[in-house]
Amino acid sequence: MHRYRMIVEYDGGPYVGWQRQENGPSVQGAIEKAIRSASGETVSIRGAGRTDSGVHATGQVVHADLAREWSGFKLQNALNAHLKLAGERVAIISVEAASEFFDARFSALRRHYLYRIISRRAPLALEAGKAWWVPKTLDHKAMHAAAQTLVGKHDFSTFRSAHCQANSPIRTLDRLDVTRSGELIEIRATAQSFLHNQIRSFAGTLKLAGEGKWTPNDVRAALDARDRKACGPVAPPDGLYFMQVDYPDVITDRHRWLEGSDDGDDLS
């Protein structure tokens, strides 16, 4: 068998999420169908993160095992051709041969997510479905200050879905930065793994800080409560993007952009 590592971009709007399900189309199912059409092989692929319905990705990482040996270029072109023919909102950004020891999920060192909020009175036209529209002014500096109370190793029970399947609520959050450019507010989060709805729970809670309703002490109290009822409202999936996954042998231009910018088992 030959293992291939792929970077995948998708619009999460038309899908029930990353994971293959019986109640609707999934990103995983779309790629597996394209592989079957291109190669004649029926495979089960593994992704680095299982994003929810409506969550987008620019850097989801996938591995697939195929009996036939392909060049990365030819496999990428073949899969994209079949995805386009099927009308999928999925693109294979790159394909390369990988070691049999590489695992898209378990080899990951860090995962990077971006949450986008557009803060303005007018509703969204071009960005509808691609950001959270908040029709009021938010103080991004207050949001950033509140976010810093969440950085580090904590019990994040307050900020995970009641349906989260993770064995432990303890995670180490490496980064949670809030910046603004005009009407766009961006929340960037980095950790080895995230809990179900963790980032969207962060975003909804930080919005309260941006409105002046919560202080950093309120956010810390919610964290310390270890109770889902203490969380702010969960932000919609539209604004969440799975940006990148870091592996031991990979440093990409996208990684350098994430690290240098000052102004998604993870289930997000």
C-alpha atoms as a PDB file:
ATOM      1  CA  MET A   1       0.000   0.000   0.000  1.00  0.00           C
ATOM      2  CA  HIS A   2       1.058   3.570  -0.661  1.00  0.00           C
ATOM      3  CA  ARG A   3       0.178   6.347   1.789  1.00  0.00           C
ATOM      4  CA  TYR A   4      -0.558   9.882   0.609  1.00  0.00           C
ATOM      5  CA  ARG A   5      -0.843  13.079   2.609  1.00  0.00           C
ATOM      6  CA  MET A   6      -3.236  15.696   1.266  1.00  0.00           C
ATOM      7  CA  ILE A   7      -4.040  19.280   2.215  1.00  0.00           C
ATOM      8  CA  VAL A   8      -7.716  20.011   1.654  1.00  0.00           C
ATOM      9  CA  GLU A   9      -9.778  23.181   1.392  1.00  0.00           C
ATOM     10  CA  TYR A  10     -13.559  23.211   1.665  1.00  0.00           C
ATOM     11  CA  ASP A  11     -16.653  25.303   2.134  1.00  0.00           C
ATOM     12  CA  GLY A  12     -18.434  23.648   5.053  1.00  0.00           C
ATOM     13  CA  GLY A  13     -21.831  25.156   4.247  1.00  0.00           C
ATOM     14  CA  PRO A  14     -23.235  22.315   2.081  1.00  0.00           C
ATOM     15  CA  TYR A  15     -22.011  19.509   4.352  1.00  0.00           C
ATOM     16  CA  VAL A  16     -23.087  17.858   7.607  1.00  0.00           C
ATOM     17  CA  GLY A  17     -19.447  18.129   8.639  1.00  0.00           C
ATOM     18  CA  TRP A  18     -16.141  16.445   7.929  1.00  0.00           C
ATOM     19  CA  GLN A  19     -17.122  12.966   9.091  1.00  0.00           C
ATOM     20  CA  ARG A  20     -19.055  10.571   6.893  1.00  0.00           C
ATOM     21  CA  GLN A  21     -22.678  10.316   8.102  1.00  0.00           C
ATOM     22  CA  GLU A  22     -25.946   8.838   6.921  1.00  0.00           C
ATOM     23  CA  ASN A  23     -27.989  12.010   7.372  1.00  0.00           C
ATOM     24  CA  GLY A  24     -26.367  14.054   4.625  1.00  0.00           C
ATOM     25  CA  PRO A  25     -23.275  14.765   2.488  1.00  0.00           C
ATOM     26  CA  SER A  26     -19.902  14.999   4.224  1.00  0.00           C
ATOM     27  CA  VAL A  27     -16.478  16.256   3.176  1.00  0.00           C
ATOM     28  CA  GLN A  28     -14.937  12.866   3.953  1.00  0.00           C
ATOM     29  CA  GLY A  29     -17.551  11.146   1.808  1.00  0.00           C
ATOM     30  CA  ALA A  30     -16.954  13.541  -1.095  1.00  0.00           C
ATOM     31  CA  ILE A  31     -13.205  12.848  -1.124  1.00  0.00           C
ATOM     32  CA  GLU A  32     -13.660   9.084  -0.758  1.00  0.00           C
ATOM     33  CA  LYS A  33     -16.090   9.118  -3.670  1.00  0.00           C
ATOM     34  CA  ALA A  34     -13.568  11.063  -5.773  1.00  0.00           C
ATOM     35  CA  ILE A  35     -10.843   8.551  -4.910  1.00  0.00           C
ATOM     36  CA  ARG A  36     -13.131   5.696  -5.913  1.00  0.00           C
ATOM     37  CA  SER A  37     -13.972   7.406  -9.216  1.00  0.00           C
ATOM     38  CA  ALA A  38     -10.322   8.191  -9.978  1.00  0.00           C
ATOM     39  CA  SER A  39      -8.706   4.933  -8.893  1.00  0.00           C
ATOM     40  CA  GLY A  40     -11.426   2.312  -8.611  1.00  0.00           C
ATOM     41  CA  GLU A  41     -10.391   1.780  -4.993  1.00  0.00           C
ATOM     42  CA  THR A  42     -12.753   2.005  -2.035  1.00  0.00           C
ATOM     43  CA  VAL A  43     -10.860   3.516   0.887  1.00  0.00           C
ATOM     44  CA  SER A  44     -11.540   5.111   4.240  1.00  0.00           C
ATOM     45  CA  ILE A  45      -9.529   8.285   4.693  1.00  0.00           C
ATOM     46  CA  ARG A  46      -8.547   9.941   7.977  1.00  0.00           C
ATOM     47  CA  GLY A  47      -8.550  13.676   8.646  1.00  0.00           C
ATOM     48  CA  ALA A  48      -6.649  15.686  11.224  1.00  0.00           C
ATOM     49  CA  GLY A  49      -9.861  17.154  12.633  1.00  0.00           C
ATOM     50  CA  ARG A  50     -13.569  16.392  12.443  1.00  0.00           C
ATOM     51  CA  THR A  51     -15.135  19.775  11.771  1.00  0.00           C
ATOM     52  CA  ASP A  52     -18.860  20.367  12.305  1.00  0.00           C
ATOM     53  CA  SER A  53     -21.485  21.301   9.756  1.00  0.00           C
ATOM     54  CA  GLY A  54     -20.844  24.776   8.373  1.00  0.00           C
ATOM     55  CA  VAL A  55     -17.203  24.936   9.497  1.00  0.00           C
ATOM     56  CA  HIS A  56     -14.743  25.697   6.706  1.00  0.00           C
ATOM     57  CA  ALA A  57     -11.139  24.632   6.100  1.00  0.00           C
ATOM     58  CA  THR A  58      -8.142  25.955   4.240  1.00  0.00           C
ATOM     59  CA  GLY A  59      -5.658  23.453   5.653  1.00  0.00           C
ATOM     60  CA  GLN A  60      -7.374  20.222   6.669  1.00  0.00           C
ATOM     61  CA  VAL A  61      -4.860  17.367   6.388  1.00  0.00           C
ATOM     62  CA  VAL A  62      -5.870  13.908   5.227  1.00  0.00           C
ATOM     63  CA  HIS A  63      -4.088  10.641   4.671  1.00  0.00           C
ATOM     64  CA  ALA A  64      -5.214   7.871   2.348  1.00  0.00           C
ATOM     65  CA  ASP A  65      -3.775   4.434   1.564  1.00  0.00           C
ATOM     66  CA  LEU A  66      -3.956   3.314  -2.060  1.00  0.00           C
ATOM     67  CA  ALA A  67      -2.788   0.105  -3.705  1.00  0.00           C
ATOM     68  CA  ARG A  68      -1.713   1.926  -6.855  1.00  0.00           C
ATOM     69  CA  GLU A  69       1.309   4.220  -6.813  1.00  0.00           C
ATOM     70  CA  TRP A  70       0.597   7.751  -8.030  1.00  0.00           C
ATOM     71  CA  SER A  71       2.633  10.882  -8.469  1.00  0.00           C
ATOM     72  CA  GLY A  72       1.284  13.565  -6.162  1.00  0.00           C
ATOM     73  CA  PHE A  73       0.599  15.872  -9.105  1.00  0.00           C
ATOM     74  CA  LYS A  74      -1.464  13.305 -11.030  1.00  0.00           C
ATOM     75  CA  LEU A  75      -3.467  12.208  -7.999  1.00  0.00           C
ATOM     76  CA  GLN A  76      -4.234  15.810  -7.055  1.00  0.00           C
ATOM     77  CA  ASN A  77      -5.422  16.622 -10.575  1.00  0.00           C
ATOM     78  CA  ALA A  78      -7.511  13.456 -10.823  1.00  0.00           C
ATOM     79  CA  LEU A  79      -9.246  14.042  -7.498  1.00  0.00           C
ATOM     80  CA  ASN A  80      -9.941  17.700  -8.230  1.00  0.00           C
ATOM     81  CA  ALA A  81     -11.400  16.786 -11.617  1.00  0.00           C
ATOM     82  CA  HIS A  82     -13.848  14.324 -10.052  1.00  0.00           C
ATOM     83  CA  LEU A  83     -14.709  16.687  -7.190  1.00  0.00           C
ATOM     84  CA  LYS A  84     -15.482  19.447  -9.685  1.00  0.00           C
ATOM     85  CA  LEU A  85     -17.535  17.099 -11.870  1.00  0.00           C
ATOM     86  CA  ALA A  86     -19.591  16.099  -8.824  1.00  0.00           C
ATOM     87  CA  GLY A  87     -20.210  19.740  -7.921  1.00  0.00           C
ATOM     88  CA  GLU A  88     -18.435  19.441  -4.559  1.00  0.00           C
ATOM     89  CA  ARG A  89     -17.201  22.513  -2.653  1.00  0.00           C
ATOM     90  CA  VAL A  90     -13.924  20.741  -1.903  1.00  0.00           C
ATOM     91  CA  ALA A  91     -10.439  21.207  -3.386  1.00  0.00           C
ATOM     92  CA  ILE A  92      -7.252  19.193  -2.946  1.00  0.00           C
ATOM     93  CA  ILE A  93      -4.513  21.796  -2.476  1.00  0.00           C
ATOM     94  CA  SER A  94      -1.582  19.381  -2.489  1.00  0.00           C
ATOM     95  CA  VAL A  95      -0.743  15.672  -2.452  1.00  0.00           C
ATOM     96  CA  GLU A  96       2.528  14.034  -1.502  1.00  0.00           C
ATOM     97  CA  ALA A  97       3.752  10.549  -0.648  1.00  0.00           C
ATOM     98  CA  ALA A  98       3.964   9.923   3.091  1.00  0.00           C
ATOM     99  CA  SER A  99       5.601   7.416   5.381  1.00  0.00           C
ATOM    100  CA  GLU A 100       3.510   4.494   6.527  1.00  0.00           C
ATOM    101  CA  PHE A 101       4.026   5.862  10.046  1.00  0.00           C
ATOM    102  CA  PHE A 102       2.394   9.199   9.222  1.00  0.00           C
ATOM    103  CA  ASP A 103      -1.116   9.614  10.598  1.00  0.00           C
ATOM    104  CA  ALA A 104      -3.062  12.794   9.783  1.00  0.00           C
ATOM    105  CA  ARG A 105      -4.719  12.755  13.199  1.00  0.00           C
ATOM    106  CA  PHE A 106      -2.269  11.171  15.616  1.00  0.00           C
ATOM    107  CA  SER A 107       0.965  12.624  14.192  1.00  0.00           C
ATOM    108  CA  ALA A 108      -0.262  16.207  14.631  1.00  0.00           C
ATOM    109  CA  LEU A 109       1.682  18.496  16.954  1.00  0.00           C
ATOM    110  CA  ARG A 110      -0.572  21.556  16.762  1.00  0.00           C
ATOM    111  CA  ARG A 111      -3.802  22.598  15.110  1.00  0.00           C
ATOM    112  CA  HIS A 112      -4.562  26.206  14.118  1.00  0.00           C
ATOM    113  CA  TYR A 113      -8.054  27.657  13.816  1.00  0.00           C
ATOM    114  CA  LEU A 114      -9.355  31.071  12.834  1.00  0.00           C
ATOM    115  CA  TYR A 115     -12.712  32.540  13.814  1.00  0.00           C
ATOM    116  CA  ARG A 116     -13.933  35.576  11.821  1.00  0.00           C
ATOM    117  CA  ILE A 117     -16.421  38.160  13.081  1.00  0.00           C
ATOM    118  CA  ILE A 118     -17.623  41.087  10.981  1.00  0.00           C
ATOM    119  CA  SER A 119     -18.779  43.872  13.261  1.00  0.00           C
ATOM    120  CA  ARG A 120     -20.941  46.382  11.367  1.00  0.00           C
ATOM    121  CA  ARG A 121     -24.545  47.577  11.124  1.00  0.00           C
ATOM    122  CA  ALA A 122     -25.125  46.437   7.539  1.00  0.00           C
ATOM    123  CA  PRO A 123     -25.862  42.746   6.968  1.00  0.00           C
ATOM    124  CA  LEU A 124     -23.414  40.579   5.052  1.00  0.00           C
ATOM    125  CA  ALA A 125     -23.743  40.075   1.319  1.00  0.00           C
ATOM    126  CA  LEU A 126     -20.420  38.735   0.014  1.00  0.00           C
ATOM    127  CA  GLU A 127     -19.399  37.276   3.384  1.00  0.00           C
ATOM    128  CA  ALA A 128     -22.725  35.631   4.259  1.00  0.00           C
ATOM    129  CA  GLY A 129     -22.001  32.125   5.504  1.00  0.00           C
ATOM    130  CA  LYS A 130     -18.292  32.914   5.790  1.00  0.00           C
ATOM    131  CA  ALA A 131     -18.245  35.022   8.974  1.00  0.00           C
ATOM    132  CA  TRP A 132     -20.346  35.792  12.050  1.00  0.00           C
ATOM    133  CA  TRP A 133     -22.232  39.030  11.514  1.00  0.00           C
ATOM    134  CA  VAL A 134     -22.463  41.077  14.721  1.00  0.00           C
ATOM    135  CA  PRO A 135     -24.425  44.307  14.067  1.00  0.00           C
ATOM    136  CA  LYS A 136     -22.771  46.296  16.830  1.00  0.00           C
ATOM    137  CA  THR A 137     -19.337  47.619  17.724  1.00  0.00           C
ATOM    138  CA  LEU A 138     -17.058  45.226  19.592  1.00  0.00           C
ATOM    139  CA  ASP A 139     -13.951  46.171  21.582  1.00  0.00           C
ATOM    140  CA  HIS A 140     -11.346  43.748  20.263  1.00  0.00           C
ATOM    141  CA  LYS A 141      -8.799  44.830  22.876  1.00  0.00           C
ATOM    142  CA  ALA A 142     -11.203  43.854  25.652  1.00  0.00           C
ATOM    143  CA  MET A 143     -11.806  40.553  23.864  1.00  0.00           C
ATOM    144  CA  HIS A 144      -8.071  39.890  23.629  1.00  0.00           C
ATOM    145  CA  ALA A 145      -7.523  40.677  27.317  1.00  0.00           C
ATOM    146  CA  ALA A 146     -10.323  38.284  28.270  1.00  0.00           C
ATOM    147  CA  ALA A 147      -8.917  35.622  25.938  1.00  0.00           C
ATOM    148  CA  GLN A 148      -5.600  35.548  27.774  1.00  0.00           C
ATOM    149  CA  THR A 149      -7.305  34.131  30.882  1.00  0.00           C
ATOM    150  CA  LEU A 150      -7.988  30.981  28.828  1.00  0.00           C
ATOM    151  CA  VAL A 151      -4.436  30.405  27.572  1.00  0.00           C
ATOM    152  CA  GLY A 152      -2.570  27.534  29.226  1.00  0.00           C
ATOM    153  CA  LYS A 153      -3.502  24.127  30.602  1.00  0.00           C
ATOM    154  CA  HIS A 154      -7.006  24.019  32.047  1.00  0.00           C
ATOM    155  CA  ASP A 155     -10.107  21.941  32.573  1.00  0.00           C
ATOM    156  CA  PHE A 156     -12.261  23.334  29.764  1.00  0.00           C
ATOM    157  CA  SER A 157     -15.533  21.639  30.788  1.00  0.00           C
ATOM    158  CA  THR A 158     -17.314  25.003  30.553  1.00  0.00           C
ATOM    159  CA  PHE A 159     -16.300  25.402  26.934  1.00  0.00           C
ATOM    160  CA  ARG A 160     -17.117  22.000  25.476  1.00  0.00           C
ATOM    161  CA  SER A 161     -20.324  20.598  24.061  1.00  0.00           C
ATOM    162  CA  ALA A 162     -22.438  18.258  26.162  1.00  0.00           C
ATOM    163  CA  HIS A 163     -22.011  15.823  23.255  1.00  0.00           C
ATOM    164  CA  CYS A 164     -18.205  15.956  23.338  1.00  0.00           C
ATOM    165  CA  GLN A 165     -16.713  12.459  23.139  1.00  0.00           C
ATOM    166  CA  ALA A 166     -13.236  13.332  24.450  1.00  0.00           C
ATOM    167  CA  ASN A 167     -12.106  11.297  27.443  1.00  0.00           C
ATOM    168  CA  SER A 168     -10.821  14.346  29.309  1.00  0.00           C
ATOM    169  CA  PRO A 169     -11.787  18.049  29.318  1.00  0.00           C
ATOM    170  CA  ILE A 170      -8.186  19.044  30.053  1.00  0.00           C
ATOM    171  CA  ARG A 171      -6.408  20.758  27.180  1.00  0.00           C
ATOM    172  CA  THR A 172      -3.431  23.083  26.772  1.00  0.00           C
ATOM    173  CA  LEU A 173      -4.303  26.185  24.792  1.00  0.00           C
ATOM    174  CA  ASP A 174      -1.126  27.640  23.278  1.00  0.00           C
ATOM    175  CA  ARG A 175      -2.627  30.744  21.711  1.00  0.00           C
ATOM    176  CA  LEU A 176      -5.874  32.710  21.704  1.00  0.00           C
ATOM    177  CA  ASP A 177      -5.352  36.101  20.078  1.00  0.00           C
ATOM    178  CA  VAL A 178      -7.956  38.660  19.038  1.00  0.00           C
ATOM    179  CA  THR A 179      -7.115  41.300  16.436  1.00  0.00           C
ATOM    180  CA  ARG A 180      -9.038  43.771  14.312  1.00  0.00           C
ATOM    181  CA  SER A 181      -8.682  45.199  10.812  1.00  0.00           C
ATOM    182  CA  GLY A 182     -11.481  47.614  10.007  1.00  0.00           C
ATOM    183  CA  GLU A 183     -14.787  45.839  10.569  1.00  0.00           C
ATOM    184  CA  LEU A 184     -13.166  42.384  10.640  1.00  0.00           C
ATOM    185  CA  ILE A 185     -12.280  40.818  13.993  1.00  0.00           C
ATOM    186  CA  GLU A 186     -10.170  37.665  13.934  1.00  0.00           C
ATOM    187  CA  ILE A 187      -9.698  35.153  16.740  1.00  0.00           C
ATOM    188  CA  ARG A 188      -6.755  32.802  16.244  1.00  0.00           C
ATOM    189  CA  ALA A 189      -6.454  29.672  18.371  1.00  0.00           C
ATOM    190  CA  THR A 190      -3.637  27.126  18.545  1.00  0.00           C
ATOM    191  CA  ALA A 191      -3.431  23.884  20.524  1.00  0.00           C
ATOM    192  CA  GLN A 192      -2.503  20.273  20.011  1.00  0.00           C
ATOM    193  CA  SER A 193      -6.194  19.403  20.104  1.00  0.00           C
ATOM    194  CA  PHE A 194      -9.545  20.972  20.865  1.00  0.00           C
ATOM    195  CA  LEU A 195     -12.815  19.841  22.394  1.00  0.00           C
ATOM    196  CA  HIS A 196     -16.145  19.739  20.592  1.00  0.00           C
ATOM    197  CA  ASN A 197     -17.426  23.335  20.142  1.00  0.00           C
ATOM    198  CA  GLN A 198     -14.497  24.708  22.175  1.00  0.00           C
ATOM    199  CA  ILE A 199     -13.516  27.493  19.776  1.00  0.00           C
ATOM    200  CA  ARG A 200     -17.090  28.498  19.016  1.00  0.00           C
ATOM    201  CA  SER A 201     -17.721  28.594  22.775  1.00  0.00           C
ATOM    202  CA  PHE A 202     -14.668  30.826  23.168  1.00  0.00           C
ATOM    203  CA  ALA A 203     -15.902  33.130  20.398  1.00  0.00           C
ATOM    204  CA  GLY A 204     -19.383  33.503  21.898  1.00  0.00           C
ATOM    205  CA  THR A 205     -17.940  34.215  25.332  1.00  0.00           C
ATOM    206  CA  LEU A 206     -15.395  36.720  24.019  1.00  0.00           C
ATOM    207  CA  LYS A 207     -18.170  38.557  22.185  1.00  0.00           C
ATOM    208  CA  LEU A 208     -19.680  39.290  25.614  1.00  0.00           C
ATOM    209  CA  ALA A 209     -16.350  40.829  26.620  1.00  0.00           C
ATOM    210  CA  GLY A 210     -16.318  42.870  23.425  1.00  0.00           C
ATOM    211  CA  GLU A 211     -19.777  44.217  24.259  1.00  0.00           C
ATOM    212  CA  GLY A 212     -18.596  45.232  27.716  1.00  0.00           C
ATOM    213  CA  LYS A 213     -20.900  42.730  29.394  1.00  0.00           C
ATOM    214  CA  TRP A 214     -18.087  40.491  30.735  1.00  0.00           C
ATOM    215  CA  THR A 215     -14.652  41.289  32.142  1.00  0.00           C
ATOM    216  CA  PRO A 216     -11.579  39.029  32.123  1.00  0.00           C
ATOM    217  CA  ASN A 217     -12.551  38.079  35.684  1.00  0.00           C
ATOM    218  CA  ASP A 218     -15.966  36.938  34.460  1.00  0.00           C
ATOM    219  CA  VAL A 219     -14.330  34.757  31.806  1.00  0.00           C
ATOM    220  CA  ARG A 220     -11.983  33.305  34.412  1.00  0.00           C
ATOM    221  CA  ALA A 221     -14.929  32.593  36.716  1.00  0.00           C
ATOM    222  CA  ALA A 222     -16.702  30.780  33.868  1.00  0.00           C
ATOM    223  CA  LEU A 223     -13.573  28.706  33.240  1.00  0.00           C
ATOM    224  CA  ASP A 224     -13.206  27.867  36.939  1.00  0.00           C
ATOM    225  CA  ALA A 225     -16.870  26.866  37.185  1.00  0.00           C
ATOM    226  CA  ARG A 226     -16.212  23.825  34.984  1.00  0.00           C
ATOM    227  CA  ASP A 227     -19.892  23.930  34.122  1.00  0.00           C
ATOM    228  CA  ARG A 228     -21.341  24.222  30.633  1.00  0.00           C
ATOM    229  CA  LYS A 229     -24.090  26.492  31.977  1.00  0.00           C
ATOM    230  CA  ALA A 230     -21.437  29.118  32.810  1.00  0.00           C
ATOM    231  CA  CYS A 231     -20.414  29.489  29.152  1.00  0.00           C
ATOM    232  CA  GLY A 232     -21.486  32.355  26.938  1.00  0.00           C
ATOM    233  CA  PRO A 233     -23.563  31.635  23.824  1.00  0.00           C
ATOM    234  CA  VAL A 234     -21.966  29.322  21.262  1.00  0.00           C
ATOM    235  CA  ALA A 235     -20.988  31.240  18.133  1.00  0.00           C
ATOM    236  CA  PRO A 236     -22.325  29.999  14.771  1.00  0.00           C
ATOM    237  CA  PRO A 237     -20.145  27.740  12.618  1.00  0.00           C
ATOM    238  CA  ASP A 238     -20.012  30.197   9.684  1.00  0.00           C
ATOM    239  CA  GLY A 239     -16.972  32.084  10.992  1.00  0.00           C
ATOM    240  CA  LEU A 240     -14.788  29.093  11.902  1.00  0.00           C
ATOM    241  CA  TYR A 241     -11.893  27.945   9.680  1.00  0.00           C
ATOM    242  CA  PHE A 242      -9.543  24.992  10.174  1.00  0.00           C
ATOM    243  CA  MET A 243      -6.373  26.701   8.973  1.00  0.00           C
ATOM    244  CA  GLN A 244      -3.430  24.377   9.390  1.00  0.00           C
ATOM    245  CA  VAL A 245      -1.903  21.365  11.106  1.00  0.00           C
ATOM    246  CA  ASP A 246       1.739  21.214  12.200  1.00  0.00           C
ATOM    247  CA  TYR A 247       3.689  17.955  12.029  1.00  0.00           C
ATOM    248  CA  PRO A 248       7.220  17.152  13.210  1.00  0.00           C
ATOM    249  CA  ASP A 249       8.734  17.360   9.737  1.00  0.00           C
ATOM    250  CA  VAL A 250       6.656  20.172   8.241  1.00  0.00           C
ATOM    251  CA  ILE A 251       7.094  23.950   8.480  1.00  0.00           C
ATOM    252  CA  THR A 252       5.007  25.723   5.823  1.00  0.00           C
ATOM    253  CA  ASP A 253       4.605  29.267   4.630  1.00  0.00           C
ATOM    254  CA  ARG A 254       1.161  29.203   6.201  1.00  0.00           C
ATOM    255  CA  HIS A 255       2.777  28.344   9.550  1.00  0.00           C
ATOM    256  CA  ARG A 256       5.143  31.293   9.274  1.00  0.00           C
ATOM    257  CA  TRP A 257       2.184  33.559   8.493  1.00  0.00           C
ATOM    258  CA  LEU A 258       0.315  32.348  11.564  1.00  0.00           C
ATOM    259  CA  GLU A 259       3.299  32.783  13.846  1.00  0.00           C
ATOM    260  CA  GLY A 260       4.197  36.194  12.483  1.00  0.00           C
ATOM    261  CA  SER A 261       0.740  37.789  12.476  1.00  0.00           C
ATOM    262  CA  ASP A 262      -0.118  40.154  15.350  1.00  0.00           C
ATOM    263  CA  ASP A 263      -3.368  41.978  13.848  1.00  0.00           C
ATOM    264  CA  GLY A 264      -9.965  24.420  13.097  1.00  0.00           C
ATOM    265  CA  ASP A 265      -9.555  14.433  18.975  1.00  0.00           C
ATOM    266  CA  ASP A 266     -10.504  18.100  17.730  1.00  0.00           C
ATOM    267  CA  LEU A 267     -14.187  18.626  17.077  1.00  0.00           C
ATOM    268  CA  SER A 268     -14.920  22.250  16.462  1.00  0.00           C
END
